[in-house]
Protein backbone atom coordinates (compact mmCIF):
# COMPACT_ATOMS: atom_id res chain seq x y z
CA MET A 1 48.34 89.93 -102.10
CA ASN A 2 45.64 90.62 -104.29
CA ASP A 3 48.02 91.95 -107.32
CA ALA A 4 46.98 90.03 -109.88
CA PRO A 5 49.89 91.28 -112.27
CA ALA A 6 52.19 90.10 -108.89
CA LEU A 7 50.40 86.92 -108.73
CA ALA A 8 50.98 85.95 -112.28
CA GLN A 9 54.56 86.38 -112.51
CA ALA A 10 55.18 84.98 -109.20
CA ASP A 11 56.74 81.51 -108.77
CA VAL A 12 54.39 80.64 -105.63
CA SER A 13 51.09 83.17 -105.22
CA LEU A 14 48.18 83.74 -102.81
CA ALA A 15 44.73 85.01 -103.07
CA MET A 16 42.61 85.23 -100.29
CA GLY A 17 38.17 84.82 -100.78
CA THR A 18 37.75 87.82 -100.55
CA GLY A 19 39.79 89.49 -103.54
CA SER A 20 39.47 90.33 -107.03
CA ASN A 21 38.37 88.10 -109.54
CA VAL A 22 41.36 88.42 -111.96
CA ALA A 23 43.59 88.05 -108.51
CA LYS A 24 41.68 84.75 -107.50
CA GLN A 25 42.38 83.42 -111.08
CA SER A 26 46.23 84.07 -111.30
CA ALA A 27 47.12 82.95 -107.85
CA SER A 28 48.60 79.56 -106.73
CA ILE A 29 46.91 78.92 -104.01
CA THR A 30 43.29 80.50 -103.42
CA LEU A 31 42.05 80.31 -99.64
CA MET A 32 38.51 80.71 -99.67
CA ARG A 33 38.30 82.50 -95.78
CA ASN A 34 40.86 85.22 -94.68
CA ASP A 35 42.99 82.95 -92.84
CA PRO A 36 46.58 82.79 -94.01
CA ARG A 37 47.25 79.56 -91.44
CA LEU A 38 45.26 77.59 -93.40
CA VAL A 39 47.99 77.46 -96.12
CA ALA A 40 49.59 74.86 -94.81
CA GLN A 41 46.70 73.06 -94.50
CA ALA A 42 46.08 73.65 -98.38
CA ILE A 43 49.90 72.28 -98.96
CA ASP A 44 48.92 69.14 -97.46
CA ILE A 45 46.17 68.57 -99.12
CA SER A 46 47.90 69.39 -102.21
CA LYS A 47 50.45 66.39 -101.10
CA ALA A 48 47.74 64.76 -100.22
CA THR A 49 46.50 64.35 -103.60
CA TRP A 50 49.16 63.85 -104.88
CA VAL A 51 49.77 60.77 -103.22
CA LYS A 52 46.46 59.55 -104.51
CA ILE A 53 47.06 60.20 -108.00
CA GLN A 54 50.29 58.02 -107.91
CA GLN A 55 48.42 55.54 -106.05
CA ASN A 56 45.79 55.61 -109.13
CA LEU A 57 48.40 55.54 -111.96
CA PHE A 58 50.60 52.34 -110.79
CA TRP A 59 47.04 50.42 -109.34
CA ALA A 60 46.00 51.35 -113.44
CA PHE A 61 49.31 50.23 -114.87
CA VAL A 62 48.98 46.80 -112.71
CA PHE A 63 45.86 46.59 -114.18
CA ASN A 64 46.07 46.79 -117.64
CA THR A 65 49.53 44.74 -117.70
CA VAL A 66 47.42 41.74 -116.18
CA ALA A 67 43.78 41.93 -116.69
CA ILE A 68 43.73 43.08 -119.95
CA PRO A 69 46.09 40.54 -121.18
CA ALA A 70 44.30 37.73 -119.23
CA ALA A 71 41.02 38.73 -120.14
CA ALA A 72 41.81 38.33 -124.05
CA LEU A 73 43.55 35.39 -124.01
CA GLY A 74 39.84 34.32 -122.49
CA TYR A 75 41.15 33.77 -118.47
CA LEU A 76 38.95 36.37 -117.76
CA SER A 77 35.44 37.30 -118.15
CA LEU A 78 35.19 41.13 -120.27
CA ALA A 79 32.62 41.84 -117.67
CA ILE A 80 34.50 40.78 -115.16
CA THR A 81 37.66 43.27 -116.60
CA ASP A 82 35.05 46.06 -116.96
CA ALA A 83 33.39 46.61 -113.48
CA ALA A 84 37.10 45.93 -112.14
CA MET A 85 38.35 49.19 -115.00
CA ALA A 86 34.82 51.19 -113.43
């Protein structure tokens, strides 16, 4: 599993935490423990992360299309829009 050139060529690759640093850098997934059953958990975490990124982009788009023009027209305070963006 920890063959760095093969990991770099593969579509999806897996390195264990006890492998070489080169293998860890070139793998798609690096498990910190030597338990291959953790791959499913890593995939679930990556899916949840992707969903959160999409949600954040949606709400940033909504904010930018509603609050910024409202602040520019004087309907909202700039301090309120700054706090909401943070």
